[in-house]
Amino acid sequence: MITEKFDAALNDLGSLAGTVPSDVWERLSPIHAQLRGIQEPLAEMERLGIAPGQDLSGSRPRQIICDEVD
């Protein structure tokens, strides 16, 4: 559910390209790119059942590998 909402918000942000003044999109596009970069790790966390802020100290360690995003 988190991933679906995140994807929808990301699509809404991306849809502003070409509809807002170019100087505004110039400021928003790096934010859009950064958010796109966490889309896959977020989906993987949700798939594994890891909630943001969840205390994993008492559970079996899990490994999440994220590619670096430029």
N, C-alpha and C. Protein backbone atom coordinates (compact mmCIF):
# COMPACT_ATOMS: atom_id res chain seq x y z
N MET A 1 0.81 -1.18 0.00
CA MET A 1 0.00 0.00 0.00
C MET A 1 0.87 1.26 0.00
N ILE A 2 1.94 1.27 0.76
CA ILE A 2 2.83 2.43 0.79
C ILE A 2 3.43 2.64 -0.60
N THR A 3 3.86 1.55 -1.23
CA THR A 3 4.47 1.64 -2.55
C THR A 3 3.48 2.21 -3.57
N GLU A 4 2.24 1.77 -3.51
CA GLU A 4 1.23 2.27 -4.45
C GLU A 4 1.01 3.77 -4.27
N LYS A 5 0.94 4.22 -3.04
CA LYS A 5 0.75 5.65 -2.78
C LYS A 5 1.98 6.45 -3.20
N PHE A 6 3.15 5.91 -2.93
CA PHE A 6 4.39 6.57 -3.32
C PHE A 6 4.46 6.69 -4.84
N ASP A 7 4.15 5.58 -5.54
CA ASP A 7 4.18 5.59 -7.00
C ASP A 7 3.19 6.61 -7.56
N ALA A 8 2.00 6.69 -6.98
CA ALA A 8 0.99 7.65 -7.44
C ALA A 8 1.48 9.08 -7.25
N ALA A 9 2.07 9.36 -6.10
CA ALA A 9 2.58 10.70 -5.83
C ALA A 9 3.73 11.04 -6.78
N LEU A 10 4.59 10.07 -7.04
CA LEU A 10 5.70 10.26 -7.96
C LEU A 10 5.19 10.53 -9.37
N ASN A 11 4.17 9.81 -9.78
CA ASN A 11 3.57 10.05 -11.10
C ASN A 11 2.94 11.43 -11.17
N ASP A 12 2.27 11.84 -10.09
CA ASP A 12 1.68 13.18 -10.05
C ASP A 12 2.75 14.26 -10.18
N LEU A 13 3.85 14.06 -9.47
CA LEU A 13 4.95 15.02 -9.55
C LEU A 13 5.52 15.05 -10.96
N GLY A 14 5.73 13.88 -11.54
CA GLY A 14 6.27 13.81 -12.90
C GLY A 14 5.35 14.42 -13.94
N SER A 15 4.06 14.36 -13.69
CA SER A 15 3.10 14.91 -14.65
C SER A 15 3.17 16.44 -14.72
N LEU A 16 3.85 17.06 -13.76
CA LEU A 16 3.99 18.51 -13.79
C LEU A 16 4.97 18.98 -14.87
N ALA A 17 5.83 18.07 -15.33
CA ALA A 17 6.78 18.43 -16.38
C ALA A 17 6.02 18.90 -17.61
N GLY A 18 6.38 20.04 -18.10
CA GLY A 18 5.72 20.60 -19.28
C GLY A 18 4.46 21.38 -18.97
N THR A 19 3.97 21.29 -17.74
CA THR A 19 2.76 22.04 -17.39
C THR A 19 3.07 23.20 -16.44
N VAL A 20 4.24 23.18 -15.84
CA VAL A 20 4.65 24.28 -14.97
C VAL A 20 5.76 25.05 -15.69
N PRO A 21 6.00 26.28 -15.31
CA PRO A 21 7.09 27.03 -15.94
C PRO A 21 8.43 26.27 -15.83
N SER A 22 9.26 26.44 -16.83
CA SER A 22 10.51 25.68 -16.88
C SER A 22 11.40 25.91 -15.66
N ASP A 23 11.40 27.12 -15.10
CA ASP A 23 12.24 27.36 -13.92
C ASP A 23 11.73 26.60 -12.71
N VAL A 24 10.40 26.41 -12.63
CA VAL A 24 9.83 25.63 -11.54
C VAL A 24 10.19 24.15 -11.71
N TRP A 25 10.05 23.63 -12.93
CA TRP A 25 10.39 22.23 -13.16
C TRP A 25 11.87 21.99 -12.96
N GLU A 26 12.69 22.98 -13.29
CA GLU A 26 14.13 22.86 -13.09
C GLU A 26 14.45 22.62 -11.61
N ARG A 27 13.67 23.20 -10.73
CA ARG A 27 13.85 22.99 -9.28
C ARG A 27 13.22 21.68 -8.82
N LEU A 28 12.13 21.26 -9.46
CA LEU A 28 11.43 20.04 -9.04
C LEU A 28 12.06 18.77 -9.61
N SER A 29 12.68 18.85 -10.76
CA SER A 29 13.16 17.63 -11.41
C SER A 29 14.23 16.88 -10.61
N PRO A 30 15.17 17.56 -9.90
CA PRO A 30 16.10 16.79 -9.07
C PRO A 30 15.39 16.04 -7.93
N ILE A 31 14.35 16.65 -7.38
CA ILE A 31 13.57 15.99 -6.33
C ILE A 31 12.88 14.76 -6.90
N HIS A 32 12.31 14.91 -8.08
CA HIS A 32 11.65 13.80 -8.76
C HIS A 32 12.64 12.66 -8.99
N ALA A 33 13.85 12.99 -9.44
CA ALA A 33 14.88 11.97 -9.68
C ALA A 33 15.29 11.27 -8.39
N GLN A 34 15.44 12.02 -7.30
CA GLN A 34 15.80 11.42 -6.02
C GLN A 34 14.72 10.46 -5.54
N LEU A 35 13.48 10.87 -5.66
CA LEU A 35 12.38 10.00 -5.23
C LEU A 35 12.28 8.76 -6.11
N ARG A 36 12.52 8.91 -7.39
CA ARG A 36 12.51 7.76 -8.29
C ARG A 36 13.59 6.76 -7.87
N GLY A 37 14.70 7.28 -7.34
CA GLY A 37 15.80 6.43 -6.91
C GLY A 37 15.49 5.58 -5.69
N ILE A 38 14.51 5.97 -4.88
CA ILE A 38 14.18 5.15 -3.71
C ILE A 38 12.94 4.30 -3.94
N GLN A 39 12.39 4.38 -5.13
CA GLN A 39 11.16 3.63 -5.44
C GLN A 39 11.38 2.12 -5.28
N GLU A 40 12.44 1.59 -5.84
CA GLU A 40 12.69 0.14 -5.76
C GLU A 40 13.04 -0.31 -4.34
N PRO A 41 13.96 0.39 -3.62
CA PRO A 41 14.22 -0.02 -2.24
C PRO A 41 12.97 0.03 -1.35
N LEU A 42 12.12 1.02 -1.56
CA LEU A 42 10.89 1.11 -0.79
C LEU A 42 10.00 -0.09 -1.06
N ALA A 43 9.87 -0.46 -2.32
CA ALA A 43 9.05 -1.62 -2.68
C ALA A 43 9.62 -2.89 -2.06
N GLU A 44 10.93 -3.01 -2.03
CA GLU A 44 11.58 -4.19 -1.44
C GLU A 44 11.35 -4.23 0.07
N MET A 45 11.44 -3.08 0.73
CA MET A 45 11.18 -3.03 2.17
C MET A 45 9.74 -3.44 2.46
N GLU A 46 8.82 -2.96 1.66
CA GLU A 46 7.42 -3.32 1.86
C GLU A 46 7.22 -4.81 1.62
N ARG A 47 7.87 -5.34 0.59
CA ARG A 47 7.75 -6.77 0.28
C ARG A 47 8.26 -7.63 1.44
N LEU A 48 9.34 -7.17 2.07
CA LEU A 48 9.92 -7.92 3.19
C LEU A 48 9.19 -7.68 4.51
N GLY A 49 8.26 -6.74 4.50
CA GLY A 49 7.50 -6.45 5.71
C GLY A 49 8.24 -5.57 6.70
N ILE A 50 9.17 -4.77 6.19
CA ILE A 50 9.92 -3.86 7.06
C ILE A 50 9.28 -2.49 7.00
N ALA A 51 8.79 -2.03 8.12
CA ALA A 51 8.17 -0.71 8.19
C ALA A 51 9.23 0.32 8.57
N PRO A 52 9.14 1.52 8.01
CA PRO A 52 10.09 2.57 8.43
C PRO A 52 10.01 2.77 9.94
N GLY A 53 11.16 2.83 10.58
CA GLY A 53 11.21 3.04 12.02
C GLY A 53 11.00 1.78 12.84
N GLN A 54 10.82 0.66 12.18
CA GLN A 54 10.58 -0.60 12.88
C GLN A 54 11.84 -1.04 13.62
N ASP A 55 11.68 -1.46 14.87
CA ASP A 55 12.81 -1.95 15.67
C ASP A 55 13.08 -3.40 15.29
N LEU A 56 14.21 -3.61 14.63
CA LEU A 56 14.57 -4.96 14.18
C LEU A 56 15.59 -5.62 15.11
N SER A 57 15.85 -5.02 16.29
CA SER A 57 16.89 -5.55 17.16
C SER A 57 16.60 -6.96 17.67
N GLY A 58 15.34 -7.31 17.83
CA GLY A 58 15.01 -8.63 18.34
C GLY A 58 14.69 -9.65 17.25
N SER A 59 14.81 -9.26 16.01
CA SER A 59 14.47 -10.18 14.93
C SER A 59 15.70 -10.60 14.16
N ARG A 60 15.51 -11.59 13.33
CA ARG A 60 16.59 -12.10 12.50
C ARG A 60 17.05 -10.98 11.57
N PRO A 61 18.36 -10.76 11.46
CA PRO A 61 18.87 -9.69 10.60
C PRO A 61 18.45 -9.92 9.14
N ARG A 62 18.12 -8.83 8.47
CA ARG A 62 17.78 -8.89 7.05
C ARG A 62 18.73 -7.97 6.32
N GLN A 63 19.00 -8.31 5.10
CA GLN A 63 19.91 -7.50 4.31
C GLN A 63 19.16 -6.91 3.14
N ILE A 64 19.29 -5.62 2.99
CA ILE A 64 18.69 -4.93 1.85
C ILE A 64 19.84 -4.26 1.10
N ILE A 65 19.91 -4.56 -0.16
CA ILE A 65 20.98 -4.00 -1.00
C ILE A 65 20.35 -2.97 -1.93
N CYS A 66 20.89 -1.77 -1.90
CA CYS A 66 20.40 -0.69 -2.77
C CYS A 66 21.52 -0.24 -3.69
N ASP A 67 21.20 -0.09 -4.94
CA ASP A 67 22.17 0.48 -5.87
C ASP A 67 22.27 1.97 -5.60
N GLU A 68 23.46 2.51 -5.79
CA GLU A 68 23.60 3.94 -5.60
C GLU A 68 22.97 4.66 -6.77
N VAL A 69 22.35 5.78 -6.49
CA VAL A 69 21.70 6.59 -7.51
C VAL A 69 22.49 7.87 -7.67
N ASP A 70 22.80 8.21 -8.90
CA ASP A 70 23.51 9.46 -9.15
C ASP A 70 22.58 10.62 -9.08
